[in-house]
N, C-alpha and C. Protein backbone atom coordinates (compact mmCIF):
# COMPACT_ATOMS: atom_id res chain seq x y z
N UNK A 1 -12.12 -14.46 -63.24
CA UNK A 1 -12.14 -15.51 -64.24
C UNK A 1 -12.17 -14.86 -65.62
N UNK A 2 -11.20 -15.14 -66.44
CA UNK A 2 -11.25 -14.64 -67.83
C UNK A 2 -12.34 -15.37 -68.61
N UNK A 3 -13.43 -14.67 -68.85
CA UNK A 3 -14.61 -15.28 -69.48
C UNK A 3 -14.29 -15.84 -70.86
N UNK A 4 -13.33 -15.24 -71.55
CA UNK A 4 -12.99 -15.73 -72.89
C UNK A 4 -12.43 -17.15 -72.81
N UNK A 5 -11.75 -17.51 -71.73
CA UNK A 5 -11.23 -18.87 -71.58
C UNK A 5 -12.39 -19.85 -71.39
N UNK A 6 -13.36 -19.46 -70.61
CA UNK A 6 -14.52 -20.31 -70.39
C UNK A 6 -15.26 -20.56 -71.71
N UNK A 7 -15.48 -19.50 -72.47
CA UNK A 7 -16.16 -19.64 -73.77
C UNK A 7 -15.33 -20.49 -74.73
N UNK A 8 -14.02 -20.26 -74.74
CA UNK A 8 -13.15 -21.00 -75.66
C UNK A 8 -13.14 -22.49 -75.36
N UNK A 9 -13.08 -22.86 -74.09
CA UNK A 9 -13.07 -24.28 -73.74
C UNK A 9 -14.42 -24.91 -74.04
N UNK A 10 -15.51 -24.16 -73.79
CA UNK A 10 -16.84 -24.66 -74.15
C UNK A 10 -16.91 -24.93 -75.66
N UNK A 11 -16.45 -23.98 -76.47
CA UNK A 11 -16.48 -24.16 -77.93
C UNK A 11 -15.58 -25.31 -78.36
N UNK A 12 -14.40 -25.42 -77.77
CA UNK A 12 -13.48 -26.51 -78.10
C UNK A 12 -14.14 -27.86 -77.82
N UNK A 13 -14.78 -27.98 -76.66
CA UNK A 13 -15.47 -29.24 -76.32
C UNK A 13 -16.52 -29.56 -77.38
N UNK A 14 -17.38 -28.60 -77.68
CA UNK A 14 -18.47 -28.83 -78.64
C UNK A 14 -17.94 -29.14 -80.03
N UNK A 15 -16.92 -28.40 -80.47
CA UNK A 15 -16.35 -28.61 -81.80
C UNK A 15 -15.73 -29.99 -81.96
N UNK A 16 -15.25 -30.57 -80.86
CA UNK A 16 -14.57 -31.87 -80.91
C UNK A 16 -15.46 -33.04 -80.47
N UNK A 17 -16.74 -32.78 -80.32
CA UNK A 17 -17.66 -33.84 -79.94
C UNK A 17 -17.59 -34.25 -78.49
N UNK A 18 -16.99 -33.41 -77.65
CA UNK A 18 -16.90 -33.68 -76.21
C UNK A 18 -18.07 -33.03 -75.48
N UNK A 19 -18.34 -33.48 -74.28
CA UNK A 19 -19.41 -32.93 -73.45
C UNK A 19 -18.80 -31.96 -72.45
N UNK A 20 -19.11 -30.66 -72.56
CA UNK A 20 -18.54 -29.69 -71.61
C UNK A 20 -19.24 -29.77 -70.25
N UNK A 21 -18.46 -29.99 -69.21
CA UNK A 21 -18.98 -30.02 -67.85
C UNK A 21 -18.47 -28.78 -67.13
N UNK A 22 -19.34 -28.21 -66.31
CA UNK A 22 -19.02 -27.01 -65.54
C UNK A 22 -19.11 -27.36 -64.07
N UNK A 23 -18.04 -27.11 -63.33
CA UNK A 23 -18.03 -27.31 -61.89
C UNK A 23 -18.23 -25.95 -61.23
N UNK A 24 -19.20 -25.89 -60.30
CA UNK A 24 -19.59 -24.62 -59.70
C UNK A 24 -19.60 -24.73 -58.18
N UNK A 25 -19.02 -23.74 -57.52
CA UNK A 25 -19.12 -23.63 -56.07
C UNK A 25 -20.37 -22.77 -55.82
N UNK A 26 -21.36 -23.37 -55.17
CA UNK A 26 -22.65 -22.73 -55.00
C UNK A 26 -22.60 -21.71 -53.87
N UNK A 27 -23.12 -20.50 -54.16
CA UNK A 27 -23.29 -19.48 -53.12
C UNK A 27 -24.72 -18.96 -53.19
N UNK A 28 -25.03 -17.93 -52.44
CA UNK A 28 -26.41 -17.41 -52.36
C UNK A 28 -26.91 -16.89 -53.70
N UNK A 29 -26.01 -16.46 -54.59
CA UNK A 29 -26.41 -15.92 -55.89
C UNK A 29 -26.57 -17.00 -56.95
N UNK A 30 -26.16 -18.22 -56.66
CA UNK A 30 -26.17 -19.31 -57.63
C UNK A 30 -27.56 -19.96 -57.64
N UNK A 31 -28.22 -19.90 -58.78
CA UNK A 31 -29.56 -20.47 -58.91
C UNK A 31 -29.46 -21.80 -59.64
N UNK A 32 -29.41 -22.88 -58.86
CA UNK A 32 -29.35 -24.24 -59.37
C UNK A 32 -30.28 -25.10 -58.51
N UNK A 33 -30.67 -26.28 -58.99
CA UNK A 33 -31.49 -27.17 -58.16
C UNK A 33 -30.71 -27.61 -56.92
N UNK A 34 -31.12 -27.13 -55.77
CA UNK A 34 -30.38 -27.38 -54.52
C UNK A 34 -30.28 -28.86 -54.17
N UNK A 35 -31.25 -29.67 -54.63
CA UNK A 35 -31.22 -31.10 -54.29
C UNK A 35 -30.07 -31.84 -54.98
N UNK A 36 -29.41 -31.18 -55.94
CA UNK A 36 -28.29 -31.80 -56.63
C UNK A 36 -26.93 -31.23 -56.18
N UNK A 37 -26.95 -30.31 -55.23
CA UNK A 37 -25.71 -29.72 -54.70
C UNK A 37 -25.12 -30.70 -53.70
N UNK A 38 -23.84 -30.99 -53.86
CA UNK A 38 -23.12 -31.89 -52.95
C UNK A 38 -21.89 -31.17 -52.40
N UNK A 39 -21.78 -31.12 -51.09
CA UNK A 39 -20.64 -30.46 -50.42
C UNK A 39 -20.41 -29.05 -50.95
N UNK A 40 -21.50 -28.33 -51.21
CA UNK A 40 -21.40 -26.95 -51.65
C UNK A 40 -21.06 -26.75 -53.11
N UNK A 41 -21.05 -27.84 -53.89
CA UNK A 41 -20.70 -27.76 -55.31
C UNK A 41 -21.71 -28.52 -56.16
N UNK A 42 -21.72 -28.19 -57.44
CA UNK A 42 -22.55 -28.91 -58.40
C UNK A 42 -21.78 -28.98 -59.72
N UNK A 43 -21.92 -30.09 -60.42
CA UNK A 43 -21.33 -30.25 -61.75
C UNK A 43 -22.48 -30.33 -62.73
N UNK A 44 -22.40 -29.50 -63.79
CA UNK A 44 -23.48 -29.38 -64.75
C UNK A 44 -23.00 -29.69 -66.16
N UNK A 45 -23.83 -30.37 -66.90
CA UNK A 45 -23.58 -30.65 -68.31
C UNK A 45 -23.99 -29.40 -69.09
N UNK A 46 -23.03 -28.75 -69.77
CA UNK A 46 -23.32 -27.54 -70.54
C UNK A 46 -23.39 -27.82 -72.04
N UNK A 47 -23.53 -29.08 -72.40
CA UNK A 47 -23.59 -29.43 -73.82
C UNK A 47 -24.86 -28.93 -74.48
N UNK A 48 -24.81 -28.71 -75.79
CA UNK A 48 -25.98 -28.21 -76.53
C UNK A 48 -27.21 -29.12 -76.40
N UNK A 49 -27.00 -30.43 -76.25
CA UNK A 49 -28.13 -31.35 -76.10
C UNK A 49 -28.73 -31.31 -74.70
N UNK A 50 -28.00 -30.76 -73.73
CA UNK A 50 -28.47 -30.76 -72.34
C UNK A 50 -28.99 -29.39 -71.90
N UNK A 51 -28.75 -28.36 -72.70
CA UNK A 51 -29.15 -27.01 -72.30
C UNK A 51 -30.07 -26.38 -73.35
N UNK A 52 -30.83 -25.42 -72.90
CA UNK A 52 -31.68 -24.64 -73.78
C UNK A 52 -31.44 -23.16 -73.44
N UNK A 53 -31.34 -22.33 -74.47
CA UNK A 53 -31.13 -20.89 -74.29
C UNK A 53 -29.87 -20.57 -73.48
N UNK A 54 -28.78 -21.28 -73.75
CA UNK A 54 -27.52 -21.04 -73.03
C UNK A 54 -26.96 -19.67 -73.39
N UNK A 55 -26.66 -18.88 -72.37
CA UNK A 55 -26.03 -17.58 -72.52
C UNK A 55 -24.82 -17.54 -71.59
N UNK A 56 -23.62 -17.50 -72.16
CA UNK A 56 -22.41 -17.35 -71.35
C UNK A 56 -22.07 -15.86 -71.36
N UNK A 57 -22.62 -15.16 -70.39
CA UNK A 57 -22.44 -13.71 -70.29
C UNK A 57 -21.19 -13.35 -69.51
N UNK A 58 -20.93 -12.06 -69.39
CA UNK A 58 -19.75 -11.60 -68.67
C UNK A 58 -19.89 -11.75 -67.16
N UNK A 59 -21.12 -11.72 -66.65
CA UNK A 59 -21.36 -11.82 -65.21
C UNK A 59 -22.01 -13.15 -64.80
N UNK A 60 -22.90 -13.66 -65.66
CA UNK A 60 -23.65 -14.88 -65.33
C UNK A 60 -23.69 -15.83 -66.52
N UNK A 61 -23.78 -17.12 -66.21
CA UNK A 61 -24.06 -18.16 -67.20
C UNK A 61 -25.51 -18.56 -66.91
N UNK A 62 -26.36 -18.40 -67.92
CA UNK A 62 -27.78 -18.67 -67.71
C UNK A 62 -28.28 -19.63 -68.79
N UNK A 63 -29.12 -20.56 -68.37
CA UNK A 63 -29.68 -21.53 -69.30
C UNK A 63 -30.81 -22.29 -68.63
N UNK A 64 -31.49 -23.05 -69.45
CA UNK A 64 -32.54 -23.94 -68.97
C UNK A 64 -32.04 -25.37 -69.16
N UNK A 65 -32.30 -26.22 -68.18
CA UNK A 65 -31.91 -27.63 -68.26
C UNK A 65 -32.98 -28.47 -67.58
N UNK A 66 -33.02 -29.73 -67.94
CA UNK A 66 -34.00 -30.65 -67.34
C UNK A 66 -33.33 -31.47 -66.25
N UNK A 67 -34.02 -31.57 -65.14
CA UNK A 67 -33.61 -32.40 -64.01
C UNK A 67 -34.79 -33.29 -63.68
N UNK A 68 -34.62 -34.59 -63.86
CA UNK A 68 -35.73 -35.51 -63.63
C UNK A 68 -36.92 -35.22 -64.52
N UNK A 69 -36.65 -34.74 -65.74
CA UNK A 69 -37.70 -34.46 -66.70
C UNK A 69 -38.37 -33.10 -66.53
N UNK A 70 -37.96 -32.34 -65.51
CA UNK A 70 -38.57 -31.04 -65.24
C UNK A 70 -37.60 -29.93 -65.67
N UNK A 71 -38.09 -29.02 -66.52
CA UNK A 71 -37.25 -27.90 -66.97
C UNK A 71 -37.04 -26.93 -65.83
N UNK A 72 -35.78 -26.52 -65.62
CA UNK A 72 -35.43 -25.58 -64.56
C UNK A 72 -34.58 -24.46 -65.17
N UNK A 73 -34.72 -23.27 -64.62
CA UNK A 73 -33.92 -22.11 -65.02
C UNK A 73 -32.70 -22.04 -64.09
N UNK A 74 -31.50 -21.96 -64.68
CA UNK A 74 -30.28 -21.88 -63.89
C UNK A 74 -29.56 -20.57 -64.17
N UNK A 75 -28.91 -20.05 -63.14
CA UNK A 75 -28.13 -18.83 -63.25
C UNK A 75 -26.91 -18.98 -62.36
N UNK A 76 -25.74 -18.91 -62.96
CA UNK A 76 -24.49 -19.14 -62.25
C UNK A 76 -23.60 -17.92 -62.39
N UNK A 77 -23.21 -17.30 -61.27
CA UNK A 77 -22.25 -16.21 -61.36
C UNK A 77 -20.92 -16.74 -61.91
N UNK A 78 -20.37 -16.07 -62.90
CA UNK A 78 -19.14 -16.52 -63.53
C UNK A 78 -18.02 -16.72 -62.49
N UNK A 79 -17.98 -15.89 -61.48
CA UNK A 79 -16.95 -15.99 -60.46
C UNK A 79 -17.05 -17.23 -59.59
N UNK A 80 -18.15 -17.98 -59.68
CA UNK A 80 -18.33 -19.20 -58.89
C UNK A 80 -17.93 -20.46 -59.66
N UNK A 81 -17.52 -20.31 -60.92
CA UNK A 81 -17.07 -21.45 -61.72
C UNK A 81 -15.66 -21.82 -61.30
N UNK A 82 -15.48 -23.07 -60.86
CA UNK A 82 -14.12 -23.46 -60.49
C UNK A 82 -13.47 -24.38 -61.52
N UNK A 83 -14.24 -24.85 -62.54
CA UNK A 83 -13.62 -25.62 -63.62
C UNK A 83 -14.61 -25.79 -64.77
N UNK A 84 -14.04 -25.92 -65.97
CA UNK A 84 -14.79 -26.36 -67.14
C UNK A 84 -13.90 -27.40 -67.82
N UNK A 85 -14.51 -28.53 -68.19
CA UNK A 85 -13.70 -29.61 -68.74
C UNK A 85 -14.56 -30.53 -69.59
N UNK A 86 -13.90 -31.34 -70.41
CA UNK A 86 -14.58 -32.34 -71.23
C UNK A 86 -14.81 -33.60 -70.41
N UNK A 87 -16.05 -34.07 -70.38
CA UNK A 87 -16.38 -35.27 -69.61
C UNK A 87 -15.55 -36.47 -70.08
N UNK A 88 -15.33 -36.56 -71.37
CA UNK A 88 -14.71 -37.76 -71.94
C UNK A 88 -13.23 -37.92 -71.59
N UNK A 89 -12.50 -36.81 -71.42
CA UNK A 89 -11.06 -36.94 -71.15
C UNK A 89 -10.55 -36.01 -70.04
N UNK A 90 -11.45 -35.31 -69.40
CA UNK A 90 -11.12 -34.38 -68.30
C UNK A 90 -10.21 -33.23 -68.72
N UNK A 91 -10.02 -33.02 -70.02
CA UNK A 91 -9.22 -31.88 -70.48
C UNK A 91 -10.02 -30.60 -70.26
N UNK A 92 -9.37 -29.59 -69.74
CA UNK A 92 -10.06 -28.33 -69.50
C UNK A 92 -9.21 -27.42 -68.65
N UNK A 93 -9.87 -26.64 -67.81
CA UNK A 93 -9.15 -25.66 -67.01
C UNK A 93 -9.87 -25.45 -65.68
N UNK A 94 -9.09 -25.28 -64.63
CA UNK A 94 -9.63 -24.96 -63.30
C UNK A 94 -9.35 -23.49 -62.99
N UNK A 95 -10.21 -22.90 -62.18
CA UNK A 95 -10.10 -21.49 -61.83
C UNK A 95 -10.21 -21.32 -60.31
N UNK A 96 -9.68 -20.21 -59.83
CA UNK A 96 -9.85 -19.87 -58.42
C UNK A 96 -11.16 -19.12 -58.26
N UNK A 97 -11.87 -19.44 -57.20
CA UNK A 97 -13.14 -18.76 -56.92
C UNK A 97 -12.84 -17.37 -56.40
N UNK A 98 -13.59 -16.40 -56.91
CA UNK A 98 -13.43 -15.02 -56.45
C UNK A 98 -13.95 -14.91 -55.03
N UNK A 99 -13.21 -14.18 -54.19
CA UNK A 99 -13.66 -13.96 -52.83
C UNK A 99 -14.80 -12.95 -52.83
N UNK A 100 -15.86 -13.22 -52.07
CA UNK A 100 -16.95 -12.25 -52.02
C UNK A 100 -16.50 -10.97 -51.32
N UNK A 101 -17.00 -9.85 -51.81
CA UNK A 101 -16.67 -8.57 -51.19
C UNK A 101 -17.45 -8.44 -49.91
N UNK A 102 -16.81 -7.90 -48.91
CA UNK A 102 -17.51 -7.62 -47.66
C UNK A 102 -17.46 -6.13 -47.41
N UNK A 103 -18.56 -5.60 -47.03
CA UNK A 103 -18.66 -4.17 -46.74
C UNK A 103 -18.49 -3.98 -45.24
N UNK A 104 -17.41 -3.35 -44.85
CA UNK A 104 -17.06 -3.20 -43.43
C UNK A 104 -18.17 -2.47 -42.68
N UNK A 105 -18.78 -1.45 -43.29
CA UNK A 105 -19.82 -0.70 -42.59
C UNK A 105 -21.04 -1.58 -42.31
N UNK A 106 -21.37 -2.48 -43.24
CA UNK A 106 -22.49 -3.39 -43.01
C UNK A 106 -22.15 -4.35 -41.89
N UNK A 107 -20.93 -4.90 -41.91
CA UNK A 107 -20.51 -5.82 -40.85
C UNK A 107 -20.54 -5.12 -39.50
N UNK A 108 -20.09 -3.88 -39.45
CA UNK A 108 -20.06 -3.14 -38.20
C UNK A 108 -21.49 -2.92 -37.70
N UNK A 109 -22.38 -2.56 -38.60
CA UNK A 109 -23.77 -2.34 -38.22
C UNK A 109 -24.38 -3.61 -37.63
N UNK A 110 -24.08 -4.75 -38.24
CA UNK A 110 -24.60 -6.01 -37.74
C UNK A 110 -24.01 -6.31 -36.37
N UNK A 111 -22.71 -6.05 -36.18
CA UNK A 111 -22.07 -6.31 -34.90
C UNK A 111 -22.62 -5.42 -33.79
N UNK A 112 -22.99 -4.20 -34.14
CA UNK A 112 -23.48 -3.26 -33.13
C UNK A 112 -24.85 -3.63 -32.60
N UNK A 113 -25.60 -4.44 -33.34
CA UNK A 113 -26.96 -4.81 -32.91
C UNK A 113 -26.96 -5.80 -31.79
């Protein structure tokens, strides 16, 4: 995922008064409130009014958000983002999820047991 595209669409949404939504395919490294995950995915509001301490890093998107009035820490691997778009008009971009790396030697060790 070209991180600069993700940042650019987020900025475009905010600059134009749109609400940036992030669609995420949840995996073991994705730290989100599991009770809001549906069919292995979650959609999150990344707007400035909905997030605190938002950091769109090269490897992870990290921020604090409230769910049911309770502040939660979220951490999303950039490779698990499958879309970022404006809630108001669905303009944005979709991405392919990166395939997780598998270590053949680890798989073989597990199979041998």
